[in-house]
């Protein structure tokens, strides 16, 4: 099975812990960009880059109300990724942090120790 470009974008967006934290925050409610940025120790420009990656992947949408830009979670964007992962059986229910640890283990084996 070959992943589509959109699915690649979703997985790339989910690969970053900051972006996953942003998605978790948006599960609660829509938020202004400045409120999204508040708990992170990074610049507003850096948060905006993370939000842009999430938006390109279709995981969030943004709307401007007056001078404030609001972010909204678009959960349907994860449906294809969830279906793809469920095809492996071992990932039901989907737990993305566990999936990330699995990939790190499989793709980045620990180098042997010198004895």
Protein backbone atom coordinates (compact mmCIF):
# COMPACT_ATOMS: atom_id res chain seq x y z
CA UNK A 1 0.00 0.00 0.00
CA UNK A 2 1.47 3.38 -0.99
CA UNK A 3 0.71 6.49 1.06
CA UNK A 4 -0.75 9.44 -0.78
CA UNK A 5 0.78 12.90 -0.59
CA UNK A 6 -1.93 14.08 1.82
CA UNK A 7 -1.36 11.11 4.11
CA UNK A 8 2.37 11.85 4.06
CA UNK A 9 1.61 15.42 5.13
CA UNK A 10 -0.57 14.23 8.01
CA UNK A 11 2.12 11.86 9.31
CA UNK A 12 4.82 14.53 8.90
CA UNK A 13 2.68 17.00 10.85
CA UNK A 14 2.03 14.43 13.60
CA UNK A 15 5.73 13.61 13.88
CA UNK A 16 6.44 16.74 15.92
CA UNK A 17 5.57 16.80 19.66
CA UNK A 18 4.77 20.53 19.58
CA UNK A 19 2.23 20.02 16.81
CA UNK A 20 0.69 17.06 18.66
CA UNK A 21 0.39 19.25 21.77
CA UNK A 22 -1.31 21.96 19.71
CA UNK A 23 -3.79 19.43 18.35
CA UNK A 24 -4.52 18.23 21.90
CA UNK A 25 -5.20 21.82 22.97
CA UNK A 26 -7.56 22.34 20.05
CA UNK A 27 -9.53 19.22 21.05
CA UNK A 28 -10.97 21.34 23.86
CA UNK A 29 -12.09 24.34 21.77
CA UNK A 30 -11.12 26.73 19.00
CA UNK A 31 -8.31 29.05 20.06
CA UNK A 32 -6.72 32.31 19.01
CA UNK A 33 -3.17 31.92 17.70
CA UNK A 34 -1.81 33.94 20.64
CA UNK A 35 -3.56 31.57 23.09
CA UNK A 36 -2.12 28.56 21.25
CA UNK A 37 1.36 30.08 21.56
CA UNK A 38 1.08 30.94 25.26
CA UNK A 39 2.17 27.63 26.88
CA UNK A 40 5.17 27.18 24.56
CA UNK A 41 8.60 28.66 25.10
CA UNK A 42 9.05 29.74 21.49
CA UNK A 43 8.35 32.77 19.37
CA UNK A 44 4.99 33.51 17.82
CA UNK A 45 6.69 33.12 14.43
CA UNK A 46 7.79 29.57 15.35
CA UNK A 47 4.27 28.68 16.49
CA UNK A 48 2.91 30.13 13.24
CA UNK A 49 5.20 27.78 11.29
CA UNK A 50 3.86 24.80 13.27
CA UNK A 51 0.29 25.97 12.64
CA UNK A 52 1.04 26.30 8.93
CA UNK A 53 2.27 22.69 8.77
CA UNK A 54 -0.92 21.56 10.53
CA UNK A 55 -3.02 23.63 8.14
CA UNK A 56 -1.29 22.27 5.01
CA UNK A 57 -1.94 18.75 6.32
CA UNK A 58 -5.60 19.69 6.78
CA UNK A 59 -5.48 18.97 10.52
CA UNK A 60 -6.55 22.51 11.43
CA UNK A 61 -8.19 25.46 9.75
CA UNK A 62 -7.71 29.14 10.51
CA UNK A 63 -10.21 31.97 10.33
CA UNK A 64 -9.73 35.65 10.96
CA UNK A 65 -12.25 37.45 13.17
CA UNK A 66 -11.34 41.12 13.25
CA UNK A 67 -7.65 41.27 14.06
CA UNK A 68 -7.57 37.86 15.72
CA UNK A 69 -6.73 34.64 13.86
CA UNK A 70 -8.54 31.58 15.25
CA UNK A 71 -7.48 27.94 14.92
CA UNK A 72 -9.96 25.08 14.69
CA UNK A 73 -9.28 21.35 14.78
CA UNK A 74 -10.32 19.42 11.65
CA UNK A 75 -10.48 15.86 13.01
CA UNK A 76 -11.64 14.29 9.74
CA UNK A 77 -8.13 14.84 8.37
CA UNK A 78 -6.85 12.05 10.64
CA UNK A 79 -9.38 9.52 9.39
CA UNK A 80 -7.23 8.26 6.49
CA UNK A 81 -4.16 8.01 8.74
CA UNK A 82 -6.14 6.09 11.33
CA UNK A 83 -7.54 3.70 8.71
CA UNK A 84 -4.06 3.17 7.26
CA UNK A 85 -2.59 2.35 10.70
CA UNK A 86 -5.48 0.07 11.64
CA UNK A 87 -4.60 -2.01 8.59
CA UNK A 88 -1.64 -3.26 10.61
CA UNK A 89 -3.91 -4.57 13.35
CA UNK A 90 -1.41 -4.03 16.14
CA UNK A 91 -2.27 -0.34 16.33
CA UNK A 92 -5.94 -0.64 17.38
CA UNK A 93 -6.94 1.65 18.97
CA UNK A 94 -4.57 4.16 17.43
CA UNK A 95 -2.16 5.62 19.97
CA UNK A 96 0.14 8.00 18.12
CA UNK A 97 2.78 8.35 20.87
CA UNK A 98 3.17 4.56 20.99
CA UNK A 99 3.34 4.48 17.18
CA UNK A 100 6.11 7.11 17.26
CA UNK A 101 8.10 5.07 19.81
CA UNK A 102 7.64 1.96 17.65
CA UNK A 103 8.96 3.80 14.58
CA UNK A 104 11.93 5.20 16.52
CA UNK A 105 12.78 1.68 17.71
CA UNK A 106 12.45 0.17 14.24
CA UNK A 107 14.12 2.95 12.27
CA UNK A 108 16.81 4.03 14.75
CA UNK A 109 18.27 0.90 16.35
CA UNK A 110 20.61 1.46 19.27
CA UNK A 111 24.24 1.12 18.12
CA UNK A 112 26.14 -1.79 19.72
CA UNK A 113 28.29 -0.91 22.75
CA UNK A 114 32.04 -1.32 22.49
CA UNK A 115 33.30 -4.02 24.81
